[in-house]
Amino acid sequence: MLLILLLGAGALPAAHARSPQKIIVITNVNIVDVDTGTIQPRLAVVIKKGKITAIAKRALIQESPEIAIVNGEGKYLIPGLWDMSLRLMAGADGERVRSVVLPRLLAQGVTAVRDPEGELPALKALRREVERGEVAGPRIVAAAEAPVIVVHDLQEARAAVDSLRRRPEASWLVGMDPPGGAASGVSLHRELQLLVEAGLTPLQALQAVTLGPVRFLGKEGEMGRVEAGKQADLVLLDANPLDDIGNLDRIAGVVAAGRYFSRRDLDQMLAQADAAAAKDAK
């Protein structure tokens, strides 16, 4: 049993300030084990300074302004999703990326992106802004290109699945690479649905946007699982994605950069992003 006692009254329902809550506790949640495809039911997950510090069957919590308590009853917690090929700055100015692209990614559960263009000054500056909490968005990794198979429709996706199944050393990595992050996040979900239609199981599709990327980048010890000691890049879902990969669309909340974004927070971010996109289109 976890015992969390801080003086004060009234738990924070969600994060609105730039600075993260000191402690986030998600209670009674079902954790999806992305290694085995099993469910660890009704656990309490404690997050402090952007990391998972403890997971336990029970937690005794005294309400405090220092703690954000999230009710995970009936919900499913998964690692945050990765988009492994997203040229953030291609065809878009920095302000549009900040106001439109990054919020849309985060609202779709994408908590990390890999930009294959490299360590461009603008990209590094953007990454620092996200890390400092000045901009809400996913963590950003810049890297060189890797060999990929590009698919455009279900037939090509099936051929890619068959090809990679004959190559046991190959890893599934998913990235849409739309210009300037257009249709960001939504496209990633659609690609996962197509991969399942092409023959992957929901677990394999989920691994392609959680475990696969961290293994590829050598960050398996830091993130990619809901475990104590790992980075708290997390997505809270209303339904089990192992039953239906489409349940990734049913996002109840996101944890990123030490902050919990409730469904209400995410809807507000999307509304602001849509307004900014409409303004840019004029």
C-alpha atoms as a PDB file:
ATOM      1  CA  MET A   1       0.000   0.000   0.000  1.00  0.00           C
ATOM      2  CA  LEU A   2       1.196   3.470  -0.856  1.00  0.00           C
ATOM      3  CA  LEU A   3       0.804   6.183   1.755  1.00  0.00           C
ATOM      4  CA  ILE A   4       0.778   9.733   0.415  1.00  0.00           C
ATOM      5  CA  LEU A   5       0.257  12.423   3.041  1.00  0.00           C
ATOM      6  CA  LEU A   6       0.581  16.140   2.313  1.00  0.00           C
ATOM      7  CA  LEU A   7      -1.014  18.907   4.320  1.00  0.00           C
ATOM      8  CA  GLY A   8      -3.754  20.925   2.705  1.00  0.00           C
ATOM      9  CA  ALA A   9      -7.207  20.461   1.228  1.00  0.00           C
ATOM     10  CA  GLY A  10      -8.692  19.965  -2.213  1.00  0.00           C
ATOM     11  CA  ALA A  11      -7.127  17.905  -4.973  1.00  0.00           C
ATOM     12  CA  LEU A  12      -6.466  19.487  -8.334  1.00  0.00           C
ATOM     13  CA  PRO A  13      -8.746  18.001 -11.017  1.00  0.00           C
ATOM     14  CA  ALA A  14      -6.440  18.871 -13.916  1.00  0.00           C
ATOM     15  CA  ALA A  15      -3.420  20.907 -14.955  1.00  0.00           C
ATOM     16  CA  HIS A  16      -3.899  24.401 -16.344  1.00  0.00           C
ATOM     17  CA  ALA A  17      -0.716  26.162 -15.223  1.00  0.00           C
ATOM     18  CA  ARG A  18       2.580  25.767 -17.011  1.00  0.00           C
ATOM     19  CA  SER A  19       4.314  24.201 -14.025  1.00  0.00           C
ATOM     20  CA  PRO A  20       3.569  20.521 -13.369  1.00  0.00           C
ATOM     21  CA  GLN A  21       1.747  19.262 -10.321  1.00  0.00           C
ATOM     22  CA  LYS A  22       4.135  17.966  -7.672  1.00  0.00           C
ATOM     23  CA  ILE A  23       2.386  14.597  -7.581  1.00  0.00           C
ATOM     24  CA  ILE A  24      -0.168  12.963  -9.895  1.00  0.00           C
ATOM     25  CA  VAL A  25      -1.985   9.845  -8.700  1.00  0.00           C
ATOM     26  CA  ILE A  26      -4.116   7.782 -11.088  1.00  0.00           C
ATOM     27  CA  THR A  27      -6.289   5.463  -9.012  1.00  0.00           C
ATOM     28  CA  ASN A  28      -8.067   2.158  -9.754  1.00  0.00           C
ATOM     29  CA  VAL A  29      -6.734   2.028 -13.302  1.00  0.00           C
ATOM     30  CA  ASN A  30      -6.149  -0.997 -15.553  1.00  0.00           C
ATOM     31  CA  ILE A  31      -2.574  -1.011 -16.855  1.00  0.00           C
ATOM     32  CA  VAL A  32      -1.974  -2.464 -20.318  1.00  0.00           C
ATOM     33  CA  ASP A  33       1.233  -4.498 -20.400  1.00  0.00           C
ATOM     34  CA  VAL A  34       2.497  -3.843 -23.924  1.00  0.00           C
ATOM     35  CA  ASP A  35       5.056  -6.657 -23.679  1.00  0.00           C
ATOM     36  CA  THR A  36       2.621  -9.486 -22.976  1.00  0.00           C
ATOM     37  CA  GLY A  37      -0.757  -8.083 -23.940  1.00  0.00           C
ATOM     38  CA  THR A  38      -2.120  -8.681 -20.451  1.00  0.00           C
ATOM     39  CA  ILE A  39      -4.033  -6.337 -18.162  1.00  0.00           C
ATOM     40  CA  GLN A  40      -2.929  -5.466 -14.622  1.00  0.00           C
ATOM     41  CA  PRO A  41      -6.231  -4.443 -13.000  1.00  0.00           C
ATOM     42  CA  ARG A  42      -7.155  -1.734 -10.519  1.00  0.00           C
ATOM     43  CA  LEU A  43      -3.765  -0.251  -9.668  1.00  0.00           C
ATOM     44  CA  ALA A  44      -2.657   3.121  -8.357  1.00  0.00           C
ATOM     45  CA  VAL A  45       0.049   4.895 -10.361  1.00  0.00           C
ATOM     46  CA  VAL A  46       2.057   7.687  -8.718  1.00  0.00           C
ATOM     47  CA  ILE A  47       3.848  10.256 -10.874  1.00  0.00           C
ATOM     48  CA  LYS A  48       6.314  12.837  -9.610  1.00  0.00           C
ATOM     49  CA  LYS A  49       8.477  15.222 -11.634  1.00  0.00           C
ATOM     50  CA  GLY A  50       7.500  13.528 -14.870  1.00  0.00           C
ATOM     51  CA  LYS A  51       8.391   9.992 -13.782  1.00  0.00           C
ATOM     52  CA  ILE A  52       6.409   7.027 -12.505  1.00  0.00           C
ATOM     53  CA  THR A  53       7.628   6.662  -8.932  1.00  0.00           C
ATOM     54  CA  ALA A  54       5.396   3.825  -7.715  1.00  0.00           C
ATOM     55  CA  ILE A  55       2.631   1.406  -8.711  1.00  0.00           C
ATOM     56  CA  ALA A  56       0.598  -0.385  -6.064  1.00  0.00           C
ATOM     57  CA  LYS A  57      -2.664  -2.202  -5.423  1.00  0.00           C
ATOM     58  CA  ARG A  58      -3.857   0.449  -2.991  1.00  0.00           C
ATOM     59  CA  ALA A  59      -2.990   4.022  -2.141  1.00  0.00           C
ATOM     60  CA  LEU A  60      -4.111   5.999   0.894  1.00  0.00           C
ATOM     61  CA  ILE A  61      -4.179   9.616  -0.253  1.00  0.00           C
ATOM     62  CA  GLN A  62      -4.893  12.750   1.737  1.00  0.00           C
ATOM     63  CA  GLU A  63      -6.252  15.449  -0.535  1.00  0.00           C
ATOM     64  CA  SER A  64      -3.896  18.361  -1.022  1.00  0.00           C
ATOM     65  CA  PRO A  65      -3.211  21.209  -3.449  1.00  0.00           C
ATOM     66  CA  GLU A  66       0.088  19.425  -4.053  1.00  0.00           C
ATOM     67  CA  ILE A  67      -1.626  16.347  -5.529  1.00  0.00           C
ATOM     68  CA  ALA A  68      -3.711  15.854  -8.665  1.00  0.00           C
ATOM     69  CA  ILE A  69      -5.940  12.811  -8.223  1.00  0.00           C
ATOM     70  CA  VAL A  70      -7.257  11.165 -11.398  1.00  0.00           C
ATOM     71  CA  ASN A  71      -9.998   8.555 -11.137  1.00  0.00           C
ATOM     72  CA  GLY A  72      -9.017   5.695 -13.431  1.00  0.00           C
ATOM     73  CA  GLU A  73     -12.008   3.492 -12.600  1.00  0.00           C
ATOM     74  CA  GLY A  74     -12.906   1.431 -15.682  1.00  0.00           C
ATOM     75  CA  LYS A  75     -10.140   3.031 -17.743  1.00  0.00           C
ATOM     76  CA  TYR A  76      -6.953   1.702 -19.336  1.00  0.00           C
ATOM     77  CA  LEU A  77      -3.477   3.189 -19.051  1.00  0.00           C
ATOM     78  CA  ILE A  78      -0.958   2.748 -21.876  1.00  0.00           C
ATOM     79  CA  PRO A  79       2.435   4.260 -22.703  1.00  0.00           C
ATOM     80  CA  GLY A  80       2.280   7.408 -24.800  1.00  0.00           C
ATOM     81  CA  LEU A  81       2.312   6.967 -28.575  1.00  0.00           C
ATOM     82  CA  TRP A  82       5.269   7.732 -30.853  1.00  0.00           C
ATOM     83  CA  ASP A  83       5.186   9.150 -34.370  1.00  0.00           C
ATOM     84  CA  MET A  84       8.544   8.068 -35.752  1.00  0.00           C
ATOM     85  CA  SER A  85       8.697  10.185 -38.891  1.00  0.00           C
ATOM     86  CA  LEU A  86       7.226  13.645 -38.565  1.00  0.00           C
ATOM     87  CA  ARG A  87       8.921  16.634 -40.162  1.00  0.00           C
ATOM     88  CA  LEU A  88       7.634  19.248 -37.772  1.00  0.00           C
ATOM     89  CA  MET A  89       9.207  22.265 -39.422  1.00  0.00           C
ATOM     90  CA  ALA A  90       8.730  21.194 -43.057  1.00  0.00           C
ATOM     91  CA  GLY A  91       6.334  23.533 -44.831  1.00  0.00           C
ATOM     92  CA  ALA A  92       5.187  25.219 -41.640  1.00  0.00           C
ATOM     93  CA  ASP A  93       6.401  28.178 -39.610  1.00  0.00           C
ATOM     94  CA  GLY A  94       7.272  27.813 -35.954  1.00  0.00           C
ATOM     95  CA  GLU A  95       4.185  29.592 -34.700  1.00  0.00           C
ATOM     96  CA  ARG A  96       1.841  27.249 -36.571  1.00  0.00           C
ATOM     97  CA  VAL A  97       3.688  24.245 -35.176  1.00  0.00           C
ATOM     98  CA  ARG A  98       3.321  25.614 -31.636  1.00  0.00           C
ATOM     99  CA  SER A  99      -0.318  26.645 -31.914  1.00  0.00           C
ATOM    100  CA  VAL A 100      -1.728  23.923 -34.193  1.00  0.00           C
ATOM    101  CA  VAL A 101       0.482  20.882 -34.706  1.00  0.00           C
ATOM    102  CA  LEU A 102       1.817  20.180 -31.188  1.00  0.00           C
ATOM    103  CA  PRO A 103      -1.572  20.530 -29.418  1.00  0.00           C
ATOM    104  CA  ARG A 104      -3.230  18.238 -31.964  1.00  0.00           C
ATOM    105  CA  LEU A 105      -0.533  15.622 -31.481  1.00  0.00           C
ATOM    106  CA  LEU A 106      -0.848  15.678 -27.709  1.00  0.00           C
ATOM    107  CA  ALA A 107      -4.647  15.534 -27.856  1.00  0.00           C
ATOM    108  CA  GLN A 108      -4.347  12.328 -29.912  1.00  0.00           C
ATOM    109  CA  GLY A 109      -2.095  10.696 -27.324  1.00  0.00           C
ATOM    110  CA  VAL A 110       1.146  11.288 -29.239  1.00  0.00           C
ATOM    111  CA  THR A 111       3.618  12.106 -26.482  1.00  0.00           C
ATOM    112  CA  ALA A 112       6.822  11.763 -28.535  1.00  0.00           C
ATOM    113  CA  VAL A 113       7.845  12.384 -32.131  1.00  0.00           C
ATOM    114  CA  ARG A 114      10.984  11.662 -34.121  1.00  0.00           C
ATOM    115  CA  ASP A 115      11.927  14.295 -36.674  1.00  0.00           C
ATOM    116  CA  PRO A 116      14.245  12.737 -39.290  1.00  0.00           C
ATOM    117  CA  GLU A 117      15.603  16.082 -40.516  1.00  0.00           C
ATOM    118  CA  GLY A 118      18.285  16.306 -37.812  1.00  0.00           C
ATOM    119  CA  GLU A 119      19.403  18.781 -35.181  1.00  0.00           C
ATOM    120  CA  LEU A 120      18.144  21.955 -36.819  1.00  0.00           C
ATOM    121  CA  PRO A 121      18.381  25.093 -34.628  1.00  0.00           C
ATOM    122  CA  ALA A 122      14.636  25.742 -34.878  1.00  0.00           C
ATOM    123  CA  LEU A 123      13.854  22.157 -33.886  1.00  0.00           C
ATOM    124  CA  LYS A 124      16.209  22.294 -30.908  1.00  0.00           C
ATOM    125  CA  ALA A 125      14.639  25.556 -29.742  1.00  0.00           C
ATOM    126  CA  LEU A 126      11.172  24.039 -30.037  1.00  0.00           C
ATOM    127  CA  ARG A 127      12.250  21.016 -28.040  1.00  0.00           C
ATOM    128  CA  ARG A 128      13.547  23.251 -25.238  1.00  0.00           C
ATOM    129  CA  GLU A 129      10.231  25.114 -25.101  1.00  0.00           C
ATOM    130  CA  VAL A 130       8.336  21.831 -24.684  1.00  0.00           C
ATOM    131  CA  GLU A 131      10.757  20.578 -22.026  1.00  0.00           C
ATOM    132  CA  ARG A 132      10.409  23.819 -20.051  1.00  0.00           C
ATOM    133  CA  GLY A 133       6.613  23.660 -20.213  1.00  0.00           C
ATOM    134  CA  GLU A 134       6.324  26.848 -22.245  1.00  0.00           C
ATOM    135  CA  VAL A 135       4.527  24.948 -25.021  1.00  0.00           C
ATOM    136  CA  ALA A 136       2.263  21.936 -24.536  1.00  0.00           C
ATOM    137  CA  GLY A 137       3.345  19.150 -26.843  1.00  0.00           C
ATOM    138  CA  PRO A 138       5.164  15.842 -27.228  1.00  0.00           C
ATOM    139  CA  ARG A 139       8.850  15.340 -26.538  1.00  0.00           C
ATOM    140  CA  ILE A 140      10.920  15.762 -29.715  1.00  0.00           C
ATOM    141  CA  VAL A 141      13.739  13.513 -30.892  1.00  0.00           C
ATOM    142  CA  ALA A 142      15.819  14.461 -33.921  1.00  0.00           C
ATOM    143  CA  ALA A 143      17.438  11.603 -35.827  1.00  0.00           C
ATOM    144  CA  ALA A 144      18.731  10.455 -39.184  1.00  0.00           C
ATOM    145  CA  GLU A 145      16.594   8.511 -41.624  1.00  0.00           C
ATOM    146  CA  ALA A 146      16.116   4.747 -41.257  1.00  0.00           C
ATOM    147  CA  PRO A 147      15.093   2.232 -43.951  1.00  0.00           C
ATOM    148  CA  VAL A 148      11.311   2.254 -44.307  1.00  0.00           C
ATOM    149  CA  ILE A 149       8.542   0.694 -46.348  1.00  0.00           C
ATOM    150  CA  VAL A 150       6.030   3.282 -47.535  1.00  0.00           C
ATOM    151  CA  VAL A 151       2.410   2.184 -47.981  1.00  0.00           C
ATOM    152  CA  HIS A 152      -0.459   4.120 -49.536  1.00  0.00           C
ATOM    153  CA  ASP A 153      -3.421   1.764 -49.250  1.00  0.00           C
ATOM    154  CA  LEU A 154      -4.651  -1.463 -47.652  1.00  0.00           C
ATOM    155  CA  GLN A 155      -3.216  -3.676 -50.403  1.00  0.00           C
ATOM    156  CA  GLU A 156       0.264  -2.212 -49.955  1.00  0.00           C
ATOM    157  CA  ALA A 157      -0.098  -2.480 -46.176  1.00  0.00           C
ATOM    158  CA  ARG A 158      -0.879  -6.210 -46.464  1.00  0.00           C
ATOM    159  CA  ALA A 159       2.157  -6.703 -48.685  1.00  0.00           C
ATOM    160  CA  ALA A 160       4.324  -4.866 -46.130  1.00  0.00           C
ATOM    161  CA  VAL A 161       2.991  -7.017 -43.283  1.00  0.00           C
ATOM    162  CA  ASP A 162       3.778 -10.206 -45.244  1.00  0.00           C
ATOM    163  CA  SER A 163       7.250  -8.916 -46.119  1.00  0.00           C
ATOM    164  CA  LEU A 164       8.199  -7.963 -42.569  1.00  0.00           C
ATOM    165  CA  ARG A 165       6.886 -11.223 -41.140  1.00  0.00           C
ATOM    166  CA  ARG A 166       9.566 -12.943 -43.250  1.00  0.00           C
ATOM    167  CA  ARG A 167      12.193 -10.693 -41.669  1.00  0.00           C
ATOM    168  CA  PRO A 168      12.310 -11.469 -37.929  1.00  0.00           C
ATOM    169  CA  GLU A 169      14.963  -8.833 -37.316  1.00  0.00           C
ATOM    170  CA  ALA A 170      12.677  -6.067 -38.552  1.00  0.00           C
ATOM    171  CA  SER A 171      10.830  -3.809 -36.137  1.00  0.00           C
ATOM    172  CA  TRP A 172       7.497  -2.117 -36.642  1.00  0.00           C
ATOM    173  CA  LEU A 173       7.768   1.668 -36.482  1.00  0.00           C
ATOM    174  CA  VAL A 174       4.937   3.975 -37.443  1.00  0.00           C
ATOM    175  CA  GLY A 175       5.103   7.523 -38.781  1.00  0.00           C
ATOM    176  CA  MET A 176       2.880   9.443 -41.171  1.00  0.00           C
ATOM    177  CA  ASP A 177       5.274  12.242 -42.158  1.00  0.00           C
ATOM    178  CA  PRO A 178       2.609  14.717 -43.369  1.00  0.00           C
ATOM    179  CA  PRO A 179       4.025  18.096 -44.477  1.00  0.00           C
ATOM    180  CA  GLY A 180       4.288  20.437 -41.513  1.00  0.00           C
ATOM    181  CA  GLY A 181       2.436  17.979 -39.300  1.00  0.00           C
ATOM    182  CA  ALA A 182      -0.837  18.282 -41.248  1.00  0.00           C
ATOM    183  CA  ALA A 183      -3.536  15.923 -39.896  1.00  0.00           C
ATOM    184  CA  SER A 184      -1.084  15.097 -37.121  1.00  0.00           C
ATOM    185  CA  GLY A 185      -2.128  12.456 -34.609  1.00  0.00           C
ATOM    186  CA  VAL A 186      -5.325  11.517 -36.410  1.00  0.00           C
ATOM    187  CA  SER A 187      -3.279  10.051 -39.270  1.00  0.00           C
ATOM    188  CA  LEU A 188      -1.306   7.894 -36.853  1.00  0.00           C
ATOM    189  CA  HIS A 189      -4.481   6.340 -35.459  1.00  0.00           C
ATOM    190  CA  ARG A 190      -5.735   5.656 -38.979  1.00  0.00           C
ATOM    191  CA  GLU A 191      -2.464   3.980 -39.942  1.00  0.00           C
ATOM    192  CA  LEU A 192      -2.709   1.648 -36.944  1.00  0.00           C
ATOM    193  CA  GLN A 193      -6.241   0.684 -37.946  1.00  0.00           C
ATOM    194  CA  LEU A 194      -5.022  -0.100 -41.470  1.00  0.00           C
ATOM    195  CA  LEU A 195      -2.177  -2.228 -40.132  1.00  0.00           C
ATOM    196  CA  VAL A 196      -4.636  -4.266 -38.057  1.00  0.00           C
ATOM    197  CA  GLU A 197      -6.865  -4.678 -41.116  1.00  0.00           C
ATOM    198  CA  ALA A 198      -3.750  -5.816 -42.999  1.00  0.00           C
ATOM    199  CA  GLY A 199      -3.022  -8.575 -40.496  1.00  0.00           C
ATOM    200  CA  LEU A 200      -1.365  -7.223 -37.350  1.00  0.00           C
ATOM    201  CA  THR A 201      -2.994  -7.898 -34.002  1.00  0.00           C
ATOM    202  CA  PRO A 202      -4.037  -4.887 -31.892  1.00  0.00           C
ATOM    203  CA  LEU A 203      -1.130  -5.709 -29.557  1.00  0.00           C
ATOM    204  CA  GLN A 204       1.386  -5.670 -32.411  1.00  0.00           C
ATOM    205  CA  ALA A 205       0.009  -2.357 -33.632  1.00  0.00           C
ATOM    206  CA  LEU A 206       0.239  -0.917 -30.121  1.00  0.00           C
ATOM    207  CA  GLN A 207       3.813  -2.167 -29.759  1.00  0.00           C
ATOM    208  CA  ALA A 208       4.706  -0.401 -33.020  1.00  0.00           C
ATOM    209  CA  VAL A 209       3.984   2.984 -31.418  1.00  0.00           C
ATOM    210  CA  THR A 210       5.248   2.241 -27.895  1.00  0.00           C
ATOM    211  CA  LEU A 211       7.914  -0.443 -27.466  1.00  0.00           C
ATOM    212  CA  GLY A 212       9.234  -0.460 -31.030  1.00  0.00           C
ATOM    213  CA  PRO A 213      10.325   3.185 -31.068  1.00  0.00           C
ATOM    214  CA  VAL A 214      12.121   3.107 -27.697  1.00  0.00           C
ATOM    215  CA  ARG A 215      13.959  -0.069 -28.662  1.00  0.00           C
ATOM    216  CA  PHE A 216      14.976   1.479 -31.975  1.00  0.00           C
ATOM    217  CA  LEU A 217      16.275   4.603 -30.218  1.00  0.00           C
ATOM    218  CA  GLY A 218      17.978   2.739 -27.368  1.00  0.00           C
ATOM    219  CA  LYS A 219      15.674   4.300 -24.761  1.00  0.00           C
ATOM    220  CA  GLU A 220      14.017   1.108 -23.524  1.00  0.00           C
ATOM    221  CA  GLY A 221      15.326   1.712 -20.000  1.00  0.00           C
ATOM    222  CA  GLU A 222      13.717   5.154 -19.868  1.00  0.00           C
ATOM    223  CA  MET A 223      10.247   4.865 -21.400  1.00  0.00           C
ATOM    224  CA  GLY A 224       7.825   2.765 -23.429  1.00  0.00           C
ATOM    225  CA  ARG A 225       6.156   0.913 -20.552  1.00  0.00           C
ATOM    226  CA  VAL A 226       3.926   1.755 -17.596  1.00  0.00           C
ATOM    227  CA  GLU A 227       6.491   0.863 -14.944  1.00  0.00           C
ATOM    228  CA  ALA A 228       8.037   2.488 -11.892  1.00  0.00           C
ATOM    229  CA  GLY A 229      11.147   4.427 -12.876  1.00  0.00           C
ATOM    230  CA  LYS A 230       9.988   5.091 -16.446  1.00  0.00           C
ATOM    231  CA  GLN A 231       9.117   8.476 -17.923  1.00  0.00           C
ATOM    232  CA  ALA A 232       5.450   9.267 -17.351  1.00  0.00           C
ATOM    233  CA  ASP A 233       4.425   9.695 -20.979  1.00  0.00           C
ATOM    234  CA  LEU A 234       0.999   8.094 -20.681  1.00  0.00           C
ATOM    235  CA  VAL A 235      -2.436   7.910 -22.277  1.00  0.00           C
ATOM    236  CA  LEU A 236      -5.605   7.142 -20.311  1.00  0.00           C
ATOM    237  CA  LEU A 237      -8.278   5.415 -22.416  1.00  0.00           C
ATOM    238  CA  ASP A 238     -11.976   4.776 -21.848  1.00  0.00           C
ATOM    239  CA  ALA A 239     -11.738   1.291 -23.396  1.00  0.00           C
ATOM    240  CA  ASN A 240      -9.213  -1.506 -23.911  1.00  0.00           C
ATOM    241  CA  PRO A 241      -7.100  -1.036 -27.091  1.00  0.00           C
ATOM    242  CA  LEU A 242      -6.279  -4.758 -27.124  1.00  0.00           C
ATOM    243  CA  ASP A 243      -9.950  -5.484 -27.801  1.00  0.00           C
ATOM    244  CA  ASP A 244     -10.130  -2.938 -30.621  1.00  0.00           C
ATOM    245  CA  ILE A 245      -7.282  -0.724 -31.822  1.00  0.00           C
ATOM    246  CA  GLY A 246      -9.944   1.899 -32.574  1.00  0.00           C
ATOM    247  CA  ASN A 247     -10.229   2.410 -28.813  1.00  0.00           C
ATOM    248  CA  LEU A 248      -7.078   4.538 -29.081  1.00  0.00           C
ATOM    249  CA  ASP A 249      -9.491   7.259 -30.208  1.00  0.00           C
ATOM    250  CA  ARG A 250     -11.265   7.123 -26.837  1.00  0.00           C
ATOM    251  CA  ILE A 251      -8.797   9.254 -24.903  1.00  0.00           C
ATOM    252  CA  ALA A 252      -9.792  10.308 -21.379  1.00  0.00           C
ATOM    253  CA  GLY A 253      -6.526  12.037 -20.533  1.00  0.00           C
ATOM    254  CA  VAL A 254      -2.819  12.377 -21.300  1.00  0.00           C
ATOM    255  CA  VAL A 255       0.219  12.712 -19.043  1.00  0.00           C
ATOM    256  CA  ALA A 256       3.164  14.564 -20.581  1.00  0.00           C
ATOM    257  CA  ALA A 257       6.022  16.666 -19.201  1.00  0.00           C
ATOM    258  CA  GLY A 258       4.817  16.150 -15.642  1.00  0.00           C
ATOM    259  CA  ARG A 259       1.296  17.430 -16.326  1.00  0.00           C
ATOM    260  CA  TYR A 260      -2.067  15.707 -16.519  1.00  0.00           C
ATOM    261  CA  PHE A 261      -4.306  16.910 -19.338  1.00  0.00           C
ATOM    262  CA  SER A 262      -7.932  15.892 -18.786  1.00  0.00           C
ATOM    263  CA  ARG A 263     -10.402  15.319 -21.619  1.00  0.00           C
ATOM    264  CA  ARG A 264     -11.652  18.851 -21.006  1.00  0.00           C
ATOM    265  CA  ASP A 265      -8.122  20.229 -21.263  1.00  0.00           C
ATOM    266  CA  LEU A 266      -7.535  18.336 -24.497  1.00  0.00           C
ATOM    267  CA  ASP A 267     -10.822  19.548 -25.999  1.00  0.00           C
ATOM    268  CA  GLN A 268      -9.856  23.140 -25.149  1.00  0.00           C
ATOM    269  CA  MET A 269      -6.462  22.624 -26.786  1.00  0.00           C
ATOM    270  CA  LEU A 270      -8.105  21.227 -29.917  1.00  0.00           C
ATOM    271  CA  ALA A 271     -10.550  24.126 -30.091  1.00  0.00           C
ATOM    272  CA  GLN A 272      -7.690  26.616 -29.814  1.00  0.00           C
ATOM    273  CA  ALA A 273      -5.693  24.708 -32.431  1.00  0.00           C
ATOM    274  CA  ASP A 274      -8.669  24.675 -34.822  1.00  0.00           C
ATOM    275  CA  ALA A 275      -9.141  28.403 -34.319  1.00  0.00           C
ATOM    276  CA  ALA A 276      -5.464  29.050 -35.008  1.00  0.00           C
ATOM    277  CA  ALA A 277      -5.565  26.866 -38.127  1.00  0.00           C
ATOM    278  CA  ALA A 278      -8.655  28.669 -39.414  1.00  0.00           C
ATOM    279  CA  LYS A 279      -6.959  32.017 -38.871  1.00  0.00           C
ATOM    280  CA  ASP A 280      -3.890  30.838 -40.795  1.00  0.00           C
ATOM    281  CA  ALA A 281      -6.079  29.661 -43.667  1.00  0.00           C
ATOM    282  CA  LYS A 282      -7.574  33.109 -44.221  1.00  0.00           C
END
